[in-house]
Amino acid sequence: MSQGSQSLHGYTQQRGLGADRNPQQGVMAGEVGEGPLTRAIESQTSRLPSDFWLMAAGGSIAASLAYKMSGDDHKALFIGQWAPTFLILGLYNKMVKQHGS
């Protein structure tokens, strides 16, 4: 182990951060699990394919470009700002699918 990783390992043990996960709950000892609303939302959104979020972002960009070319700058800016949100939702969806809640 390198000096930096030894220091971090000692810190996590000292602070109780190196505790084992409880396999039934999927959370660290001392952590609070997800609430029922979060679990319900994640179970519904996990049904959407990951491509959906990428296509939504691309559609937002295309619609924004169309509005910009037609001269409606306010709509172009409003719709263009949806793209990062769709991409972040896609990342969240992917993480939930891979790691669970």
N, C-alpha and C. Protein backbone atom coordinates (compact mmCIF):
# COMPACT_ATOMS: atom_id res chain seq x y z
N MET A 1 0.84 -1.18 0.00
CA MET A 1 0.00 0.00 0.00
C MET A 1 0.88 1.24 0.00
N SER A 2 0.44 2.23 -0.74
CA SER A 2 1.18 3.48 -0.76
C SER A 2 0.89 4.28 0.51
N GLN A 3 1.68 5.31 0.72
CA GLN A 3 1.52 6.14 1.92
C GLN A 3 0.14 6.77 1.97
N GLY A 4 -0.34 7.28 0.82
CA GLY A 4 -1.64 7.95 0.77
C GLY A 4 -2.79 6.99 1.06
N SER A 5 -2.72 5.77 0.49
CA SER A 5 -3.80 4.82 0.73
C SER A 5 -3.76 4.28 2.15
N GLN A 6 -2.56 4.16 2.76
CA GLN A 6 -2.47 3.74 4.16
C GLN A 6 -3.11 4.79 5.06
N SER A 7 -2.85 6.05 4.75
CA SER A 7 -3.41 7.13 5.55
C SER A 7 -4.93 7.15 5.44
N LEU A 8 -5.44 6.98 4.24
CA LEU A 8 -6.89 6.96 4.03
C LEU A 8 -7.50 5.75 4.71
N HIS A 9 -6.85 4.59 4.60
CA HIS A 9 -7.36 3.37 5.23
C HIS A 9 -7.41 3.54 6.74
N GLY A 10 -6.39 4.12 7.32
CA GLY A 10 -6.38 4.37 8.76
C GLY A 10 -7.47 5.34 9.18
N TYR A 11 -7.70 6.34 8.34
CA TYR A 11 -8.74 7.33 8.64
C TYR A 11 -10.12 6.69 8.62
N THR A 12 -10.39 5.86 7.61
CA THR A 12 -11.71 5.25 7.52
C THR A 12 -11.94 4.28 8.67
N GLN A 13 -10.90 3.57 9.09
CA GLN A 13 -11.08 2.67 10.23
C GLN A 13 -11.29 3.46 11.51
N GLN A 14 -10.54 4.54 11.66
CA GLN A 14 -10.65 5.36 12.86
C GLN A 14 -12.04 5.98 12.96
N ARG A 15 -12.61 6.41 11.85
CA ARG A 15 -13.91 7.06 11.84
C ARG A 15 -15.07 6.06 11.73
N GLY A 16 -14.77 4.78 11.64
CA GLY A 16 -15.82 3.80 11.52
C GLY A 16 -16.42 3.73 10.12
N LEU A 17 -15.69 4.24 9.13
CA LEU A 17 -16.19 4.25 7.77
C LEU A 17 -15.86 2.97 7.01
N GLY A 18 -15.10 2.10 7.59
CA GLY A 18 -14.74 0.86 6.92
C GLY A 18 -15.64 -0.29 7.29
N ALA A 19 -16.81 0.00 7.83
CA ALA A 19 -17.73 -1.05 8.26
C ALA A 19 -18.23 -1.84 7.06
N ASP A 20 -18.56 -3.10 7.30
CA ASP A 20 -19.08 -3.95 6.23
C ASP A 20 -20.52 -3.60 5.92
N ARG A 21 -20.88 -3.85 4.68
CA ARG A 21 -22.26 -3.62 4.27
C ARG A 21 -23.14 -4.75 4.79
N ASN A 22 -24.36 -4.38 5.15
CA ASN A 22 -25.35 -5.36 5.53
C ASN A 22 -25.99 -5.86 4.24
N PRO A 23 -25.82 -7.16 3.89
CA PRO A 23 -26.30 -7.63 2.59
C PRO A 23 -27.81 -7.53 2.43
N GLN A 24 -28.58 -7.64 3.51
CA GLN A 24 -30.04 -7.55 3.38
C GLN A 24 -30.48 -6.12 3.08
N GLN A 25 -29.84 -5.15 3.71
CA GLN A 25 -30.26 -3.76 3.54
C GLN A 25 -29.50 -3.05 2.42
N GLY A 26 -28.29 -3.49 2.11
CA GLY A 26 -27.50 -2.84 1.08
C GLY A 26 -26.96 -1.49 1.49
N VAL A 27 -26.91 -1.21 2.78
CA VAL A 27 -26.40 0.07 3.27
C VAL A 27 -25.31 -0.20 4.28
N MET A 28 -24.49 0.80 4.50
CA MET A 28 -23.44 0.72 5.50
C MET A 28 -24.06 0.83 6.89
N ALA A 29 -23.41 0.24 7.86
CA ALA A 29 -23.88 0.35 9.24
C ALA A 29 -23.90 1.83 9.62
N GLY A 30 -25.01 2.28 10.17
CA GLY A 30 -25.14 3.67 10.57
C GLY A 30 -25.74 4.56 9.49
N GLU A 31 -25.88 4.07 8.25
CA GLU A 31 -26.48 4.86 7.19
C GLU A 31 -27.99 4.65 7.18
N VAL A 32 -28.69 5.59 6.60
CA VAL A 32 -30.14 5.47 6.45
C VAL A 32 -30.42 5.00 5.04
N GLY A 33 -31.32 4.00 4.88
CA GLY A 33 -31.66 3.48 3.57
C GLY A 33 -32.60 4.42 2.83
N GLU A 34 -32.91 4.07 1.58
CA GLU A 34 -33.80 4.88 0.76
C GLU A 34 -35.23 4.75 1.25
N GLY A 35 -36.01 5.78 1.06
CA GLY A 35 -37.40 5.77 1.46
C GLY A 35 -38.28 5.08 0.43
N PRO A 36 -39.54 4.84 0.78
CA PRO A 36 -40.44 4.13 -0.14
C PRO A 36 -40.73 4.92 -1.42
N LEU A 37 -40.77 6.25 -1.35
CA LEU A 37 -41.01 7.06 -2.54
C LEU A 37 -39.85 6.92 -3.52
N THR A 38 -38.62 6.97 -3.01
CA THR A 38 -37.45 6.83 -3.87
C THR A 38 -37.43 5.45 -4.52
N ARG A 39 -37.71 4.41 -3.75
CA ARG A 39 -37.74 3.05 -4.31
C ARG A 39 -38.81 2.93 -5.39
N ALA A 40 -39.98 3.54 -5.18
CA ALA A 40 -41.06 3.47 -6.17
C ALA A 40 -40.66 4.19 -7.46
N ILE A 41 -40.05 5.37 -7.33
CA ILE A 41 -39.62 6.12 -8.52
C ILE A 41 -38.55 5.34 -9.27
N GLU A 42 -37.58 4.79 -8.55
CA GLU A 42 -36.49 4.06 -9.19
C GLU A 42 -36.98 2.79 -9.87
N SER A 43 -37.98 2.13 -9.28
CA SER A 43 -38.50 0.91 -9.91
C SER A 43 -39.21 1.25 -11.22
N GLN A 44 -39.85 2.40 -11.30
CA GLN A 44 -40.53 2.80 -12.54
C GLN A 44 -39.53 3.29 -13.58
N THR A 45 -38.59 4.14 -13.18
CA THR A 45 -37.65 4.70 -14.16
C THR A 45 -36.64 3.67 -14.64
N SER A 46 -36.38 2.64 -13.86
CA SER A 46 -35.43 1.62 -14.31
C SER A 46 -35.98 0.81 -15.47
N ARG A 47 -37.27 0.91 -15.73
CA ARG A 47 -37.87 0.22 -16.87
C ARG A 47 -37.55 0.91 -18.19
N LEU A 48 -37.18 2.18 -18.13
CA LEU A 48 -36.83 2.91 -19.34
C LEU A 48 -35.43 2.51 -19.80
N PRO A 49 -35.25 2.27 -21.10
CA PRO A 49 -33.89 1.96 -21.57
C PRO A 49 -33.00 3.19 -21.48
N SER A 50 -31.72 2.96 -21.35
CA SER A 50 -30.76 4.06 -21.23
C SER A 50 -30.75 4.93 -22.48
N ASP A 51 -31.05 4.34 -23.62
CA ASP A 51 -31.09 5.11 -24.87
C ASP A 51 -32.16 6.19 -24.85
N PHE A 52 -33.21 5.99 -24.06
CA PHE A 52 -34.29 6.97 -23.99
C PHE A 52 -33.75 8.33 -23.57
N TRP A 53 -32.89 8.35 -22.56
CA TRP A 53 -32.38 9.62 -22.03
C TRP A 53 -31.45 10.29 -23.03
N LEU A 54 -30.66 9.50 -23.74
CA LEU A 54 -29.77 10.05 -24.76
C LEU A 54 -30.57 10.63 -25.92
N MET A 55 -31.62 9.92 -26.32
CA MET A 55 -32.47 10.41 -27.41
C MET A 55 -33.23 11.66 -26.98
N ALA A 56 -33.66 11.72 -25.72
CA ALA A 56 -34.35 12.91 -25.22
C ALA A 56 -33.42 14.12 -25.25
N ALA A 57 -32.17 13.93 -24.87
CA ALA A 57 -31.19 15.02 -24.91
C ALA A 57 -30.94 15.45 -26.35
N GLY A 58 -30.78 14.48 -27.24
CA GLY A 58 -30.58 14.81 -28.66
C GLY A 58 -31.78 15.53 -29.25
N GLY A 59 -32.99 15.09 -28.88
CA GLY A 59 -34.20 15.76 -29.35
C GLY A 59 -34.30 17.19 -28.84
N SER A 60 -33.88 17.39 -27.60
CA SER A 60 -33.88 18.73 -27.02
C SER A 60 -32.92 19.64 -27.78
N ILE A 61 -31.77 19.12 -28.11
CA ILE A 61 -30.78 19.90 -28.86
C ILE A 61 -31.31 20.22 -30.25
N ALA A 62 -31.92 19.24 -30.92
CA ALA A 62 -32.45 19.45 -32.26
C ALA A 62 -33.60 20.46 -32.25
N ALA A 63 -34.49 20.35 -31.27
CA ALA A 63 -35.61 21.30 -31.18
C ALA A 63 -35.09 22.70 -30.88
N SER A 64 -34.10 22.79 -30.02
CA SER A 64 -33.50 24.08 -29.70
C SER A 64 -32.89 24.72 -30.94
N LEU A 65 -32.20 23.92 -31.73
CA LEU A 65 -31.60 24.42 -32.96
C LEU A 65 -32.68 24.90 -33.94
N ALA A 66 -33.78 24.13 -34.03
CA ALA A 66 -34.86 24.53 -34.93
C ALA A 66 -35.48 25.87 -34.49
N TYR A 67 -35.71 26.01 -33.20
CA TYR A 67 -36.25 27.29 -32.71
C TYR A 67 -35.27 28.44 -32.93
N LYS A 68 -34.00 28.17 -32.73
CA LYS A 68 -32.99 29.21 -32.93
C LYS A 68 -32.96 29.66 -34.40
N MET A 69 -33.04 28.70 -35.30
CA MET A 69 -33.00 29.03 -36.73
C MET A 69 -34.27 29.77 -37.16
N SER A 70 -35.39 29.53 -36.45
CA SER A 70 -36.63 30.22 -36.79
C SER A 70 -36.70 31.61 -36.14
N GLY A 71 -35.71 31.92 -35.31
CA GLY A 71 -35.65 33.25 -34.72
C GLY A 71 -36.28 33.36 -33.34
N ASP A 72 -36.76 32.27 -32.78
CA ASP A 72 -37.38 32.30 -31.45
C ASP A 72 -36.32 31.95 -30.40
N ASP A 73 -35.52 32.94 -30.03
CA ASP A 73 -34.38 32.71 -29.13
C ASP A 73 -34.79 32.25 -27.74
N HIS A 74 -35.88 32.76 -27.22
CA HIS A 74 -36.29 32.40 -25.86
C HIS A 74 -36.66 30.92 -25.77
N LYS A 75 -37.44 30.43 -26.72
CA LYS A 75 -37.79 29.00 -26.72
C LYS A 75 -36.55 28.14 -26.95
N ALA A 76 -35.66 28.61 -27.83
CA ALA A 76 -34.43 27.86 -28.12
C ALA A 76 -33.59 27.68 -26.86
N LEU A 77 -33.44 28.74 -26.09
CA LEU A 77 -32.66 28.65 -24.85
C LEU A 77 -33.36 27.76 -23.82
N PHE A 78 -34.67 27.92 -23.70
CA PHE A 78 -35.42 27.14 -22.72
C PHE A 78 -35.32 25.64 -23.02
N ILE A 79 -35.57 25.24 -24.24
CA ILE A 79 -35.54 23.82 -24.60
C ILE A 79 -34.11 23.29 -24.63
N GLY A 80 -33.15 24.11 -25.03
CA GLY A 80 -31.76 23.68 -25.06
C GLY A 80 -31.20 23.37 -23.69
N GLN A 81 -31.77 23.98 -22.66
CA GLN A 81 -31.29 23.72 -21.31
C GLN A 81 -31.81 22.40 -20.74
N TRP A 82 -32.69 21.73 -21.43
CA TRP A 82 -33.17 20.43 -20.98
C TRP A 82 -32.13 19.33 -21.20
N ALA A 83 -31.28 19.47 -22.20
CA ALA A 83 -30.33 18.42 -22.57
C ALA A 83 -29.46 17.95 -21.39
N PRO A 84 -28.81 18.84 -20.64
CA PRO A 84 -27.99 18.36 -19.52
C PRO A 84 -28.82 17.63 -18.46
N THR A 85 -30.05 18.09 -18.26
CA THR A 85 -30.92 17.44 -17.28
C THR A 85 -31.22 16.01 -17.72
N PHE A 86 -31.56 15.83 -18.99
CA PHE A 86 -31.83 14.47 -19.49
C PHE A 86 -30.60 13.59 -19.35
N LEU A 87 -29.42 14.13 -19.64
CA LEU A 87 -28.19 13.33 -19.54
C LEU A 87 -27.90 12.95 -18.08
N ILE A 88 -28.13 13.85 -17.15
CA ILE A 88 -27.92 13.54 -15.74
C ILE A 88 -28.93 12.51 -15.26
N LEU A 89 -30.18 12.63 -15.69
CA LEU A 89 -31.18 11.62 -15.34
C LEU A 89 -30.79 10.25 -15.91
N GLY A 90 -30.22 10.25 -17.11
CA GLY A 90 -29.74 9.00 -17.69
C GLY A 90 -28.61 8.38 -16.89
N LEU A 91 -27.69 9.21 -16.39
CA LEU A 91 -26.61 8.70 -15.54
C LEU A 91 -27.17 8.13 -14.24
N TYR A 92 -28.10 8.84 -13.64
CA TYR A 92 -28.72 8.36 -12.41
C TYR A 92 -29.43 7.04 -12.65
N ASN A 93 -30.16 6.96 -13.75
CA ASN A 93 -30.87 5.73 -14.10
C ASN A 93 -29.89 4.57 -14.28
N LYS A 94 -28.79 4.84 -14.94
CA LYS A 94 -27.78 3.79 -15.17
C LYS A 94 -27.16 3.32 -13.86
N MET A 95 -26.88 4.27 -12.97
CA MET A 95 -26.29 3.91 -11.67
C MET A 95 -27.27 3.07 -10.85
N VAL A 96 -28.54 3.42 -10.88
CA VAL A 96 -29.54 2.66 -10.14
C VAL A 96 -29.63 1.24 -10.68
N LYS A 97 -29.57 1.10 -12.01
CA LYS A 97 -29.64 -0.21 -12.62
C LYS A 97 -28.43 -1.07 -12.24
N GLN A 98 -27.26 -0.45 -12.17
CA GLN A 98 -26.04 -1.20 -11.89
C GLN A 98 -25.84 -1.48 -10.41
N HIS A 99 -26.14 -0.51 -9.56
CA HIS A 99 -25.81 -0.62 -8.15
C HIS A 99 -27.01 -0.77 -7.24
N GLY A 100 -28.20 -0.58 -7.76
CA GLY A 100 -29.39 -0.61 -6.92
C GLY A 100 -29.49 0.68 -6.13
N SER A 101 -30.55 0.79 -5.36
CA SER A 101 -30.74 2.03 -4.60
C SER A 101 -30.12 1.95 -3.23
